[in-house]
């Protein structure tokens, strides 16, 4: 594989992309074609991504937006 490429994108676009990736993770856990359990594993998925218990995630009202904030903080560097 060749040299890795990097692209500048706005923070809002990055947030949208990461949010969509997290949402897909929830849907894949539930079974994308299973409407009966649509978003059933939301709390568990958020807890897994945030590395906390489900109870702690629910008590602190953690969401996919919090997951995105964590990912940006840990995995991305702001370019000034």
PDB file of N, CA and C in Angstrom:
ATOM      1  N   UNK A   1       0.849  -1.173   0.000  1.00  0.00           N
ATOM      2  CA  UNK A   1       0.000   0.000   0.000  1.00  0.00           C
ATOM      3  C   UNK A   1       0.892   1.233   0.000  1.00  0.00           C
ATOM      4  N   UNK A   2       0.495   2.254  -0.692  1.00  0.00           N
ATOM      5  CA  UNK A   2       1.305   3.456  -0.843  1.00  0.00           C
ATOM      6  C   UNK A   2       1.248   4.365   0.362  1.00  0.00           C
ATOM      7  N   UNK A   3       1.819   5.521   0.172  1.00  0.00           N
ATOM      8  CA  UNK A   3       1.846   6.534   1.224  1.00  0.00           C
ATOM      9  C   UNK A   3       0.414   6.956   1.562  1.00  0.00           C
ATOM     10  N   UNK A   4       0.133   7.054   2.852  1.00  0.00           N
ATOM     11  CA  UNK A   4      -1.213   7.423   3.278  1.00  0.00           C
ATOM     12  C   UNK A   4      -1.480   8.890   2.970  1.00  0.00           C
ATOM     13  N   UNK A   5      -2.677   9.172   2.504  1.00  0.00           N
ATOM     14  CA  UNK A   5      -3.077  10.542   2.185  1.00  0.00           C
ATOM     15  C   UNK A   5      -3.853  11.132   3.358  1.00  0.00           C
ATOM     16  N   UNK A   6      -3.771  12.434   3.498  1.00  0.00           N
ATOM     17  CA  UNK A   6      -4.512  13.150   4.523  1.00  0.00           C
ATOM     18  C   UNK A   6      -5.311  14.257   3.861  1.00  0.00           C
ATOM     19  N   UNK A   7      -6.490  14.534   4.437  1.00  0.00           N
ATOM     20  CA  UNK A   7      -7.370  15.550   3.874  1.00  0.00           C
ATOM     21  C   UNK A   7      -7.831  16.494   4.969  1.00  0.00           C
ATOM     22  N   UNK A   8      -7.962  17.753   4.640  1.00  0.00           N
ATOM     23  CA  UNK A   8      -8.522  18.722   5.565  1.00  0.00           C
ATOM     24  C   UNK A   8     -10.037  18.703   5.388  1.00  0.00           C
ATOM     25  N   UNK A   9     -10.752  18.574   6.499  1.00  0.00           N
ATOM     26  CA  UNK A   9     -12.209  18.711   6.458  1.00  0.00           C
ATOM     27  C   UNK A   9     -12.631  19.570   7.639  1.00  0.00           C
ATOM     28  N   UNK A  10     -13.801  20.145   7.534  1.00  0.00           N
ATOM     29  CA  UNK A  10     -14.286  20.992   8.626  1.00  0.00           C
ATOM     30  C   UNK A  10     -14.667  20.120   9.824  1.00  0.00           C
ATOM     31  N   UNK A  11     -14.679  20.727  11.006  1.00  0.00           N
ATOM     32  CA  UNK A  11     -15.053  19.988  12.205  1.00  0.00           C
ATOM     33  C   UNK A  11     -16.486  19.485  12.097  1.00  0.00           C
ATOM     34  N   UNK A  12     -17.364  20.287  11.528  1.00  0.00           N
ATOM     35  CA  UNK A  12     -18.759  19.852  11.425  1.00  0.00           C
ATOM     36  C   UNK A  12     -18.892  18.639  10.510  1.00  0.00           C
ATOM     37  N   UNK A  13     -18.147  18.612   9.421  1.00  0.00           N
ATOM     38  CA  UNK A  13     -18.186  17.454   8.528  1.00  0.00           C
ATOM     39  C   UNK A  13     -17.587  16.222   9.215  1.00  0.00           C
ATOM     40  N   UNK A  14     -16.490  16.405   9.948  1.00  0.00           N
ATOM     41  CA  UNK A  14     -15.885  15.304  10.692  1.00  0.00           C
ATOM     42  C   UNK A  14     -16.871  14.756  11.716  1.00  0.00           C
ATOM     43  N   UNK A  15     -17.536  15.651  12.451  1.00  0.00           N
ATOM     44  CA  UNK A  15     -18.522  15.227  13.440  1.00  0.00           C
ATOM     45  C   UNK A  15     -19.653  14.429  12.782  1.00  0.00           C
ATOM     46  N   UNK A  16     -20.142  14.903  11.639  1.00  0.00           N
ATOM     47  CA  UNK A  16     -21.214  14.198  10.935  1.00  0.00           C
ATOM     48  C   UNK A  16     -20.767  12.802  10.516  1.00  0.00           C
ATOM     49  N   UNK A  17     -19.566  12.694   9.985  1.00  0.00           N
ATOM     50  CA  UNK A  17     -19.052  11.396   9.548  1.00  0.00           C
ATOM     51  C   UNK A  17     -18.885  10.433  10.725  1.00  0.00           C
ATOM     52  N   UNK A  18     -18.338  10.928  11.820  1.00  0.00           N
ATOM     53  CA  UNK A  18     -18.139  10.081  12.989  1.00  0.00           C
ATOM     54  C   UNK A  18     -19.464   9.691  13.630  1.00  0.00           C
ATOM     55  N   UNK A  19     -20.418  10.616  13.644  1.00  0.00           N
ATOM     56  CA  UNK A  19     -21.739  10.310  14.192  1.00  0.00           C
ATOM     57  C   UNK A  19     -22.395   9.202  13.372  1.00  0.00           C
ATOM     58  N   UNK A  20     -22.316   9.330  12.059  1.00  0.00           N
ATOM     59  CA  UNK A  20     -22.887   8.302  11.191  1.00  0.00           C
ATOM     60  C   UNK A  20     -22.208   6.951  11.395  1.00  0.00           C
ATOM     61  N   UNK A  21     -20.898   6.950  11.597  1.00  0.00           N
ATOM     62  CA  UNK A  21     -20.176   5.697  11.849  1.00  0.00           C
ATOM     63  C   UNK A  21     -20.640   5.062  13.156  1.00  0.00           C
ATOM     64  N   UNK A  22     -20.840   5.865  14.183  1.00  0.00           N
ATOM     65  CA  UNK A  22     -21.317   5.344  15.464  1.00  0.00           C
ATOM     66  C   UNK A  22     -22.747   4.818  15.338  1.00  0.00           C
ATOM     67  N   UNK A  23     -23.589   5.521  14.589  1.00  0.00           N
ATOM     68  CA  UNK A  23     -24.967   5.087  14.388  1.00  0.00           C
ATOM     69  C   UNK A  23     -25.010   3.753  13.644  1.00  0.00           C
ATOM     70  N   UNK A  24     -24.168   3.595  12.655  1.00  0.00           N
ATOM     71  CA  UNK A  24     -24.100   2.326  11.924  1.00  0.00           C
ATOM     72  C   UNK A  24     -23.692   1.199  12.861  1.00  0.00           C
ATOM     73  N   UNK A  25     -22.795   1.481  13.798  1.00  0.00           N
ATOM     74  CA  UNK A  25     -22.386   0.456  14.764  1.00  0.00           C
ATOM     75  C   UNK A  25     -23.583  -0.017  15.586  1.00  0.00           C
ATOM     76  N   UNK A  26     -24.446   0.905  15.998  1.00  0.00           N
ATOM     77  CA  UNK A  26     -25.649   0.531  16.742  1.00  0.00           C
ATOM     78  C   UNK A  26     -26.550  -0.331  15.863  1.00  0.00           C
ATOM     79  N   UNK A  27     -26.771   0.112  14.644  1.00  0.00           N
ATOM     80  CA  UNK A  27     -27.670  -0.609  13.746  1.00  0.00           C
ATOM     81  C   UNK A  27     -27.144  -1.996  13.411  1.00  0.00           C
ATOM     82  N   UNK A  28     -25.842  -2.125  13.244  1.00  0.00           N
ATOM     83  CA  UNK A  28     -25.260  -3.433  12.958  1.00  0.00           C
ATOM     84  C   UNK A  28     -25.418  -4.382  14.145  1.00  0.00           C
ATOM     85  N   UNK A  29     -25.305  -3.866  15.330  1.00  0.00           N
ATOM     86  CA  UNK A  29     -25.494  -4.694  16.527  1.00  0.00           C
ATOM     87  C   UNK A  29     -26.927  -5.204  16.618  1.00  0.00           C
ATOM     88  N   UNK A  30     -27.869  -4.343  16.249  1.00  0.00           N
ATOM     89  CA  UNK A  30     -29.282  -4.691  16.357  1.00  0.00           C
ATOM     90  C   UNK A  30     -29.757  -5.565  15.206  1.00  0.00           C
ATOM     91  N   UNK A  31     -29.031  -5.574  14.124  1.00  0.00           N
ATOM     92  CA  UNK A  31     -29.489  -6.250  12.918  1.00  0.00           C
ATOM     93  C   UNK A  31     -30.198  -5.218  12.063  1.00  0.00           C
ATOM     94  N   UNK A  32     -29.544  -4.760  11.042  1.00  0.00           N
ATOM     95  CA  UNK A  32     -30.032  -3.639  10.241  1.00  0.00           C
ATOM     96  C   UNK A  32     -31.450  -3.871   9.734  1.00  0.00           C
ATOM     97  N   UNK A  33     -31.805  -5.104   9.428  1.00  0.00           N
ATOM     98  CA  UNK A  33     -33.127  -5.367   8.873  1.00  0.00           C
ATOM     99  C   UNK A  33     -34.151  -5.770   9.928  1.00  0.00           C
ATOM    100  N   UNK A  34     -33.855  -5.530  11.183  1.00  0.00           N
ATOM    101  CA  UNK A  34     -34.727  -5.958  12.265  1.00  0.00           C
ATOM    102  C   UNK A  34     -35.363  -4.731  12.917  1.00  0.00           C
ATOM    103  N   UNK A  35     -36.497  -4.283  12.395  1.00  0.00           N
ATOM    104  CA  UNK A  35     -37.133  -3.070  12.900  1.00  0.00           C
ATOM    105  C   UNK A  35     -37.676  -3.244  14.313  1.00  0.00           C
ATOM    106  N   UNK A  36     -37.967  -4.476  14.702  1.00  0.00           N
ATOM    107  CA  UNK A  36     -38.494  -4.710  16.037  1.00  0.00           C
ATOM    108  C   UNK A  36     -37.490  -4.281  17.110  1.00  0.00           C
ATOM    109  N   UNK A  37     -36.214  -4.451  16.817  1.00  0.00           N
ATOM    110  CA  UNK A  37     -35.176  -4.117  17.793  1.00  0.00           C
ATOM    111  C   UNK A  37     -34.352  -2.901  17.374  1.00  0.00           C
ATOM    112  N   UNK A  38     -34.930  -2.045  16.533  1.00  0.00           N
ATOM    113  CA  UNK A  38     -34.238  -0.848  16.052  1.00  0.00           C
ATOM    114  C   UNK A  38     -33.739  -0.019  17.241  1.00  0.00           C
ATOM    115  N   UNK A  39     -32.458   0.210  17.279  1.00  0.00           N
ATOM    116  CA  UNK A  39     -31.780   1.009  18.316  1.00  0.00           C
ATOM    117  C   UNK A  39     -31.854   0.368  19.707  1.00  0.00           C
ATOM    118  N   UNK A  40     -32.154  -0.904  19.778  1.00  0.00           N
ATOM    119  CA  UNK A  40     -32.249  -1.608  21.056  1.00  0.00           C
ATOM    120  C   UNK A  40     -30.918  -1.576  21.821  1.00  0.00           C
ATOM    121  N   UNK A  41     -29.814  -1.668  21.103  1.00  0.00           N
ATOM    122  CA  UNK A  41     -28.504  -1.733  21.759  1.00  0.00           C
ATOM    123  C   UNK A  41     -27.827  -0.366  21.885  1.00  0.00           C
ATOM    124  N   UNK A  42     -28.592   0.701  21.720  1.00  0.00           N
ATOM    125  CA  UNK A  42     -28.018   2.055  21.758  1.00  0.00           C
ATOM    126  C   UNK A  42     -27.203   2.287  23.034  1.00  0.00           C
ATOM    127  N   UNK A  43     -27.803   2.044  24.185  1.00  0.00           N
ATOM    128  CA  UNK A  43     -27.120   2.306  25.459  1.00  0.00           C
ATOM    129  C   UNK A  43     -25.873   1.445  25.606  1.00  0.00           C
ATOM    130  N   UNK A  44     -25.974   0.187  25.193  1.00  0.00           N
ATOM    131  CA  UNK A  44     -24.825  -0.708  25.290  1.00  0.00           C
ATOM    132  C   UNK A  44     -23.690  -0.267  24.363  1.00  0.00           C
ATOM    133  N   UNK A  45     -24.056   0.169  23.169  1.00  0.00           N
ATOM    134  CA  UNK A  45     -23.034   0.605  22.210  1.00  0.00           C
ATOM    135  C   UNK A  45     -22.345   1.869  22.704  1.00  0.00           C
ATOM    136  N   UNK A  46     -23.123   2.823  23.183  1.00  0.00           N
ATOM    137  CA  UNK A  46     -22.541   4.060  23.734  1.00  0.00           C
ATOM    138  C   UNK A  46     -21.624   3.719  24.906  1.00  0.00           C
ATOM    139  N   UNK A  47     -22.083   2.860  25.782  1.00  0.00           N
ATOM    140  CA  UNK A  47     -21.269   2.466  26.944  1.00  0.00           C
ATOM    141  C   UNK A  47     -19.967   1.821  26.494  1.00  0.00           C
ATOM    142  N   UNK A  48     -20.035   0.937  25.497  1.00  0.00           N
ATOM    143  CA  UNK A  48     -18.817   0.296  24.992  1.00  0.00           C
ATOM    144  C   UNK A  48     -17.841   1.321  24.438  1.00  0.00           C
ATOM    145  N   UNK A  49     -18.337   2.228  23.615  1.00  0.00           N
ATOM    146  CA  UNK A  49     -17.461   3.244  23.025  1.00  0.00           C
ATOM    147  C   UNK A  49     -16.869   4.176  24.082  1.00  0.00           C
ATOM    148  N   UNK A  50     -17.657   4.487  25.117  1.00  0.00           N
ATOM    149  CA  UNK A  50     -17.192   5.400  26.167  1.00  0.00           C
ATOM    150  C   UNK A  50     -16.394   4.672  27.247  1.00  0.00           C
ATOM    151  N   UNK A  51     -16.364   3.344  27.161  1.00  0.00           N
ATOM    152  CA  UNK A  51     -15.637   2.513  28.110  1.00  0.00           C
ATOM    153  C   UNK A  51     -16.146   2.697  29.542  1.00  0.00           C
ATOM    154  N   UNK A  52     -17.491   2.668  29.663  1.00  0.00           N
ATOM    155  CA  UNK A  52     -18.158   2.755  30.957  1.00  0.00           C
ATOM    156  C   UNK A  52     -19.239   1.683  31.000  1.00  0.00           C
ATOM    157  N   UNK A  53     -19.846   1.499  32.149  1.00  0.00           N
ATOM    158  CA  UNK A  53     -20.952   0.552  32.254  1.00  0.00           C
ATOM    159  C   UNK A  53     -22.206   1.166  31.625  1.00  0.00           C
ATOM    160  N   UNK A  54     -23.142   0.314  31.290  1.00  0.00           N
ATOM    161  CA  UNK A  54     -24.418   0.797  30.739  1.00  0.00           C
ATOM    162  C   UNK A  54     -25.110   1.692  31.755  1.00  0.00           C
ATOM    163  N   UNK A  55     -25.060   1.311  33.011  1.00  0.00           N
ATOM    164  CA  UNK A  55     -25.699   2.102  34.064  1.00  0.00           C
ATOM    165  C   UNK A  55     -25.086   3.505  34.134  1.00  0.00           C
ATOM    166  N   UNK A  56     -23.755   3.561  34.057  1.00  0.00           N
ATOM    167  CA  UNK A  56     -23.084   4.870  34.103  1.00  0.00           C
ATOM    168  C   UNK A  56     -23.431   5.698  32.874  1.00  0.00           C
ATOM    169  N   UNK A  57     -23.494   5.066  31.719  1.00  0.00           N
ATOM    170  CA  UNK A  57     -23.858   5.778  30.489  1.00  0.00           C
ATOM    171  C   UNK A  57     -25.263   6.354  30.603  1.00  0.00           C
ATOM    172  N   UNK A  58     -26.188   5.556  31.144  1.00  0.00           N
ATOM    173  CA  UNK A  58     -27.561   6.027  31.289  1.00  0.00           C
ATOM    174  C   UNK A  58     -27.677   7.108  32.361  1.00  0.00           C
ATOM    175  N   UNK A  59     -26.994   6.937  33.486  1.00  0.00           N
ATOM    176  CA  UNK A  59     -27.031   7.936  34.563  1.00  0.00           C
ATOM    177  C   UNK A  59     -26.499   9.285  34.097  1.00  0.00           C
ATOM    178  N   UNK A  60     -25.460   9.248  33.256  1.00  0.00           N
ATOM    179  CA  UNK A  60     -24.843  10.480  32.770  1.00  0.00           C
ATOM    180  C   UNK A  60     -25.428  10.940  31.440  1.00  0.00           C
ATOM    181  N   UNK A  61     -26.483  10.242  30.997  1.00  0.00           N
ATOM    182  CA  UNK A  61     -27.186  10.592  29.763  1.00  0.00           C
ATOM    183  C   UNK A  61     -26.220  10.722  28.578  1.00  0.00           C
ATOM    184  N   UNK A  62     -25.282   9.762  28.488  1.00  0.00           N
ATOM    185  CA  UNK A  62     -24.303   9.784  27.403  1.00  0.00           C
ATOM    186  C   UNK A  62     -24.982   9.407  26.088  1.00  0.00           C
ATOM    187  N   UNK A  63     -24.495   9.986  25.005  1.00  0.00           N
ATOM    188  CA  UNK A  63     -25.102   9.783  23.695  1.00  0.00           C
ATOM    189  C   UNK A  63     -24.019   9.580  22.638  1.00  0.00           C
ATOM    190  N   UNK A  64     -24.461   9.367  21.413  1.00  0.00           N
ATOM    191  CA  UNK A  64     -23.498   9.249  20.316  1.00  0.00           C
ATOM    192  C   UNK A  64     -22.711  10.543  20.126  1.00  0.00           C
ATOM    193  N   UNK A  65     -23.305  11.671  20.460  1.00  0.00           N
ATOM    194  CA  UNK A  65     -22.579  12.940  20.382  1.00  0.00           C
ATOM    195  C   UNK A  65     -21.388  12.932  21.341  1.00  0.00           C
ATOM    196  N   UNK A  66     -21.556  12.329  22.510  1.00  0.00           N
ATOM    197  CA  UNK A  66     -20.447  12.208  23.462  1.00  0.00           C
ATOM    198  C   UNK A  66     -19.368  11.276  22.925  1.00  0.00           C
ATOM    199  N   UNK A  67     -19.789  10.223  22.240  1.00  0.00           N
ATOM    200  CA  UNK A  67     -18.838   9.307  21.601  1.00  0.00           C
ATOM    201  C   UNK A  67     -18.010  10.065  20.579  1.00  0.00           C
ATOM    202  N   UNK A  68     -18.673  10.874  19.759  1.00  0.00           N
ATOM    203  CA  UNK A  68     -17.973  11.664  18.740  1.00  0.00           C
ATOM    204  C   UNK A  68     -16.980  12.611  19.401  1.00  0.00           C
ATOM    205  N   UNK A  69     -17.388  13.294  20.463  1.00  0.00           N
ATOM    206  CA  UNK A  69     -16.468  14.192  21.181  1.00  0.00           C
ATOM    207  C   UNK A  69     -15.237  13.433  21.666  1.00  0.00           C
ATOM    208  N   UNK A  70     -15.449  12.240  22.200  1.00  0.00           N
ATOM    209  CA  UNK A  70     -14.334  11.426  22.690  1.00  0.00           C
ATOM    210  C   UNK A  70     -13.400  11.048  21.547  1.00  0.00           C
ATOM    211  N   UNK A  71     -13.974  10.588  20.442  1.00  0.00           N
ATOM    212  CA  UNK A  71     -13.146  10.198  19.294  1.00  0.00           C
ATOM    213  C   UNK A  71     -12.319  11.366  18.779  1.00  0.00           C
ATOM    214  N   UNK A  72     -12.943  12.531  18.667  1.00  0.00           N
ATOM    215  CA  UNK A  72     -12.212  13.699  18.156  1.00  0.00           C
ATOM    216  C   UNK A  72     -11.076  14.062  19.100  1.00  0.00           C
ATOM    217  N   UNK A  73     -11.362  14.066  20.383  1.00  0.00           N
ATOM    218  CA  UNK A  73     -10.343  14.415  21.376  1.00  0.00           C
ATOM    219  C   UNK A  73      -9.167  13.441  21.342  1.00  0.00           C
ATOM    220  N   UNK A  74      -9.469  12.139  21.204  1.00  0.00           N
ATOM    221  CA  UNK A  74      -8.425  11.121  21.290  1.00  0.00           C
ATOM    222  C   UNK A  74      -7.704  10.850  19.962  1.00  0.00           C
ATOM    223  N   UNK A  75      -8.396  11.016  18.844  1.00  0.00           N
ATOM    224  CA  UNK A  75      -7.853  10.514  17.578  1.00  0.00           C
ATOM    225  C   UNK A  75      -7.544  11.577  16.540  1.00  0.00           C
ATOM    226  N   UNK A  76      -7.885  12.827  16.797  1.00  0.00           N
ATOM    227  CA  UNK A  76      -7.698  13.852  15.764  1.00  0.00           C
ATOM    228  C   UNK A  76      -6.969  15.058  16.327  1.00  0.00           C
ATOM    229  N   UNK A  77      -6.196  15.672  15.479  1.00  0.00           N
ATOM    230  CA  UNK A  77      -5.420  16.843  15.864  1.00  0.00           C
ATOM    231  C   UNK A  77      -5.942  18.050  15.106  1.00  0.00           C
ATOM    232  N   UNK A  78      -6.240  19.109  15.837  1.00  0.00           N
ATOM    233  CA  UNK A  78      -6.701  20.333  15.200  1.00  0.00           C
ATOM    234  C   UNK A  78      -5.560  20.993  14.436  1.00  0.00           C
ATOM    235  N   UNK A  79      -5.847  21.428  13.239  1.00  0.00           N
ATOM    236  CA  UNK A  79      -4.873  22.144  12.424  1.00  0.00           C
ATOM    237  C   UNK A  79      -5.233  23.627  12.473  1.00  0.00           C
ATOM    238  N   UNK A  80      -4.259  24.428  12.850  1.00  0.00           N
ATOM    239  CA  UNK A  80      -4.521  25.870  12.958  1.00  0.00           C
ATOM    240  C   UNK A  80      -3.853  26.607  11.838  1.00  0.00           C
TER     241      UNK A  80
END
